[in-house]
Amino acid sequence: MRPKTITRAPGAGKALGVLCFTATLAVLPSTAQSDDTKATVAAVAPGHSQLNVLAGRRATVRGRALPALAGRTVLLQRAGGHGWATIDRATTRADGRFAFRFRPQRPGSARLRVLVDGTRQAVGRLNVYRRAAVSWYGPGLYGNKLSCGGRLTPGTLGVAHKTLPCGTRVTLRHGKRVIRVRVVDRGPYAGGREFDLTAATSHRLRFDGVGSVLVTS
């Protein structure tokens, strides 16, 4: 299993109930252009390429389509199992700027992009979280078989869950730390907890004991 890179979540010092991040884009039309005017991300604040919100809270995507014209239709699309689906529409102002404000209701994680006049521009990954009770395991169990294949080691990254299919990717957030790992085992079976983190996952998140973290599944 190849774990995703750990990233520092922006604005982690704010109340979790009002997490909201903004991605700023610049999108160019699909007509013939010189190399220095092709569609690019012109300005994205460091760490703001992903949207991280609690379910039911407002997420925001803002940008500017160039050349600046009023009335151009901008589509916000989300990747899914059957391709890309439009989840919102906006219209550019006279300066070419546009904004999306929406409230995702269900936890999950998916890539977003905007579409202007046939030109597509990636926004980042939308992470919609909920709280989940978790614990961690590892010492004393190293060498045991994992329900999803392989054996547990001190370096195994992943989580145990009772019903999620093996290999399901789960994004976890605790404090300022975020990690995206797979379901590698079954459990936990005590205390009403939803997930068991492997020791390596727990260490990466700086999580210890029993408590709650934010999850996208």
Protein backbone atom coordinates (compact mmCIF):
# COMPACT_ATOMS: atom_id res chain seq x y z
CA MET A 1 0.00 0.00 0.00
CA ARG A 2 1.32 3.44 -0.89
CA PRO A 3 0.03 6.07 1.51
CA LYS A 4 -0.75 9.61 0.47
CA THR A 5 1.53 12.41 1.59
CA ILE A 6 0.77 14.04 4.91
CA THR A 7 -0.23 17.68 4.55
CA ARG A 8 -0.82 20.43 7.02
CA ALA A 9 -4.48 21.44 6.95
CA PRO A 10 -4.93 25.22 6.65
CA GLY A 11 -6.75 27.21 9.30
CA ALA A 12 -6.56 24.37 11.77
CA GLY A 13 -6.66 26.82 14.67
CA LYS A 14 -10.23 27.87 13.80
CA ALA A 15 -13.29 26.20 15.21
CA LEU A 16 -13.91 22.95 13.37
CA GLY A 17 -17.56 23.78 12.91
CA VAL A 18 -16.78 26.69 10.61
CA LEU A 19 -13.94 25.40 8.50
CA CYS A 20 -14.01 27.02 5.07
CA PHE A 21 -11.22 27.44 2.53
CA THR A 22 -11.06 29.33 -0.75
CA ALA A 23 -9.32 28.37 -3.98
CA THR A 24 -8.49 31.20 -6.41
CA LEU A 25 -8.25 30.32 -10.10
CA ALA A 26 -7.61 31.93 -13.44
CA VAL A 27 -9.16 30.17 -16.47
CA LEU A 28 -8.58 31.10 -20.09
CA PRO A 29 -10.91 30.41 -23.04
CA SER A 30 -10.30 27.44 -25.31
CA THR A 31 -9.57 29.48 -28.46
CA ALA A 32 -6.06 29.52 -29.95
CA GLN A 33 -3.60 31.28 -27.60
CA SER A 34 0.12 31.77 -27.20
CA ASP A 35 2.05 29.55 -24.79
CA ASP A 36 2.16 32.22 -22.09
CA THR A 37 -1.64 32.61 -22.00
CA LYS A 38 -2.73 28.99 -21.64
CA ALA A 39 -5.08 28.08 -18.80
CA THR A 40 -3.13 27.96 -15.54
CA VAL A 41 -3.72 28.40 -11.87
CA ALA A 42 -2.65 32.01 -11.50
CA ALA A 43 -2.89 32.39 -7.73
CA VAL A 44 -3.66 29.84 -5.07
CA ALA A 45 -2.81 30.67 -1.48
CA PRO A 46 -0.46 28.04 0.01
CA GLY A 47 -2.41 25.08 1.34
CA HIS A 48 -5.69 26.27 -0.18
CA SER A 49 -5.79 23.94 -3.17
CA GLN A 50 -8.17 21.69 -1.24
CA LEU A 51 -11.54 22.47 0.29
CA ASN A 52 -11.90 21.15 3.83
CA VAL A 53 -15.26 21.55 5.52
CA LEU A 54 -17.55 19.83 7.97
CA ALA A 55 -20.66 18.32 6.41
CA GLY A 56 -23.35 20.98 6.17
CA ARG A 57 -20.89 23.89 6.34
CA ARG A 58 -20.22 26.25 3.46
CA ALA A 59 -17.44 25.60 0.98
CA THR A 60 -16.23 28.30 -1.43
CA VAL A 61 -14.46 28.36 -4.77
CA ARG A 62 -13.57 31.72 -6.31
CA GLY A 63 -11.74 32.59 -9.47
CA ARG A 64 -11.40 34.81 -12.48
CA ALA A 65 -11.87 33.87 -16.13
CA LEU A 66 -9.69 35.71 -18.64
CA PRO A 67 -10.17 37.65 -20.78
CA ALA A 68 -12.50 39.50 -18.41
CA LEU A 69 -16.05 39.41 -19.76
CA ALA A 70 -19.41 39.56 -18.05
CA GLY A 71 -21.98 36.80 -18.43
CA ARG A 72 -19.78 33.81 -19.15
CA THR A 73 -21.07 30.54 -17.71
CA VAL A 74 -18.77 28.72 -15.31
CA LEU A 75 -19.48 25.15 -14.23
CA LEU A 76 -18.21 23.57 -11.02
CA GLN A 77 -17.79 19.81 -11.47
CA ARG A 78 -17.06 16.93 -9.14
CA ALA A 79 -15.41 13.63 -10.04
CA GLY A 80 -17.40 10.49 -9.33
CA GLY A 81 -17.68 6.84 -10.23
CA HIS A 82 -19.33 7.68 -13.56
CA GLY A 83 -17.14 10.60 -14.58
CA TRP A 84 -17.57 14.31 -13.90
CA ALA A 85 -20.89 15.76 -12.72
CA THR A 86 -21.86 19.43 -12.59
CA ILE A 87 -22.76 20.45 -9.04
CA ASP A 88 -23.13 24.23 -9.47
CA ARG A 89 -23.17 27.04 -12.01
CA ALA A 90 -22.01 30.63 -11.83
CA THR A 91 -21.78 33.64 -14.14
CA THR A 92 -18.75 35.91 -14.48
CA ARG A 93 -18.91 39.57 -13.56
CA ALA A 94 -17.54 42.36 -15.73
CA ASP A 95 -14.05 41.81 -14.32
CA GLY A 96 -14.22 38.08 -15.12
CA ARG A 97 -14.55 37.02 -11.49
CA PHE A 98 -16.87 34.25 -10.34
CA ALA A 99 -17.68 32.55 -7.06
CA PHE A 100 -19.29 29.31 -5.90
CA ARG A 101 -20.72 28.88 -2.43
CA PHE A 102 -22.25 25.54 -1.57
CA ARG A 103 -22.91 23.33 1.45
CA PRO A 104 -21.99 19.66 0.92
CA GLN A 105 -24.22 17.59 3.17
CA ARG A 106 -22.56 14.19 3.02
CA PRO A 107 -19.03 13.21 4.07
CA GLY A 108 -16.75 12.26 1.23
CA SER A 109 -13.69 13.18 -0.76
CA ALA A 110 -13.56 14.03 -4.47
CA ARG A 111 -11.65 16.10 -6.99
CA LEU A 112 -13.18 19.35 -8.23
CA ARG A 113 -12.69 21.31 -11.43
CA VAL A 114 -14.19 24.33 -13.17
CA LEU A 115 -15.23 24.49 -16.82
CA VAL A 116 -15.33 27.74 -18.82
CA ASP A 117 -15.99 27.76 -22.57
CA GLY A 118 -14.64 24.22 -22.89
CA THR A 119 -11.50 24.93 -20.86
CA ARG A 120 -11.09 22.76 -17.77
CA GLN A 121 -9.11 23.76 -14.71
CA ALA A 122 -8.48 21.61 -11.64
CA VAL A 123 -9.44 23.13 -8.31
CA GLY A 124 -8.20 20.50 -5.88
CA ARG A 125 -9.79 17.91 -3.62
CA LEU A 126 -12.96 18.56 -1.68
CA ASN A 127 -12.84 16.87 1.74
CA VAL A 128 -16.15 16.82 3.60
CA TYR A 129 -15.69 15.56 7.14
CA ARG A 130 -17.71 14.17 10.01
CA ARG A 131 -16.59 13.18 13.49
CA ALA A 132 -15.90 9.53 14.28
CA ALA A 133 -14.84 7.67 17.42
CA VAL A 134 -11.52 5.93 16.88
CA SER A 135 -8.76 4.05 18.67
CA TRP A 136 -5.44 2.63 17.55
CA TYR A 137 -3.64 -0.71 17.67
CA GLY A 138 -0.33 -2.33 16.86
CA PRO A 139 2.14 -3.24 19.63
CA GLY A 140 1.75 -6.89 20.54
CA LEU A 141 -0.03 -7.64 17.27
CA TYR A 142 2.81 -7.12 14.80
CA GLY A 143 3.15 -10.07 12.48
CA ASN A 144 -0.56 -10.91 12.61
CA LYS A 145 -2.42 -11.27 9.34
CA LEU A 146 -4.52 -8.33 8.17
CA SER A 147 -8.06 -9.11 7.02
CA CYS A 148 -7.41 -7.35 3.72
CA GLY A 149 -4.13 -9.12 3.05
CA GLY A 150 -0.57 -8.87 4.26
CA ARG A 151 0.67 -8.62 7.83
CA LEU A 152 0.66 -5.86 10.38
CA THR A 153 4.02 -4.16 10.88
CA PRO A 154 5.15 -1.04 12.77
CA GLY A 155 5.15 0.80 9.44
CA THR A 156 1.73 -0.29 8.17
CA LEU A 157 -0.43 2.70 7.28
CA GLY A 158 -4.18 2.17 7.20
CA VAL A 159 -7.32 1.72 9.25
CA ALA A 160 -9.54 -1.12 10.35
CA HIS A 161 -13.30 -0.87 9.77
CA LYS A 162 -16.09 -3.41 10.14
CA THR A 163 -17.86 -2.95 6.81
CA LEU A 164 -16.06 -0.59 4.41
CA PRO A 165 -14.60 -2.59 1.48
CA CYS A 166 -10.93 -3.41 1.68
CA GLY A 167 -8.89 -0.77 -0.11
CA THR A 168 -11.41 2.03 0.45
CA ARG A 169 -9.56 5.32 0.81
CA VAL A 170 -10.32 7.34 3.91
CA THR A 171 -9.11 10.86 4.67
CA LEU A 172 -8.46 11.48 8.37
CA ARG A 173 -7.85 14.79 10.08
CA HIS A 174 -6.67 15.40 13.64
CA GLY A 175 -5.66 18.89 14.66
CA LYS A 176 -3.37 20.27 11.98
CA ARG A 177 -2.60 16.91 10.40
CA VAL A 178 -4.31 15.17 7.48
CA ILE A 179 -3.60 11.74 6.03
CA ARG A 180 -5.32 9.65 3.35
CA VAL A 181 -5.03 5.89 3.83
CA ARG A 182 -6.82 2.66 2.90
CA VAL A 183 -8.93 0.20 4.83
CA VAL A 184 -6.53 -2.68 5.52
CA ASP A 185 -8.18 -4.63 8.32
CA ARG A 186 -11.45 -5.41 10.12
CA GLY A 187 -12.43 -3.93 13.49
CA PRO A 188 -12.66 -2.41 16.01
CA TYR A 189 -14.91 -4.62 18.08
CA ALA A 190 -15.14 -2.75 21.39
CA GLY A 191 -16.30 0.54 22.84
CA GLY A 192 -18.55 1.73 20.03
CA ARG A 193 -15.59 2.91 17.99
CA GLU A 194 -15.83 3.17 14.20
CA PHE A 195 -12.18 2.97 13.16
CA ASP A 196 -8.98 1.47 14.49
CA LEU A 197 -5.88 3.28 13.30
CA THR A 198 -2.67 1.37 12.83
CA ALA A 199 0.14 2.57 15.05
CA ALA A 200 1.90 4.20 12.09
CA THR A 201 -1.28 6.08 11.12
CA SER A 202 -1.84 7.15 14.72
CA HIS A 203 1.73 8.44 14.92
CA ARG A 204 1.42 10.44 11.70
CA LEU A 205 -1.74 12.11 13.02
CA ARG A 206 -0.26 12.68 16.49
CA PHE A 207 -3.29 10.82 17.89
CA ASP A 208 -3.02 8.82 21.08
CA GLY A 209 -5.50 6.76 23.06
CA VAL A 210 -9.23 6.76 22.33
CA GLY A 211 -11.11 9.76 21.02
CA SER A 212 -12.51 11.36 17.89
CA VAL A 213 -11.03 12.48 14.60
CA LEU A 214 -12.56 13.89 11.43
CA VAL A 215 -13.17 11.37 8.64
CA THR A 216 -14.56 11.51 5.11
CA SER A 217 -16.20 8.06 5.12
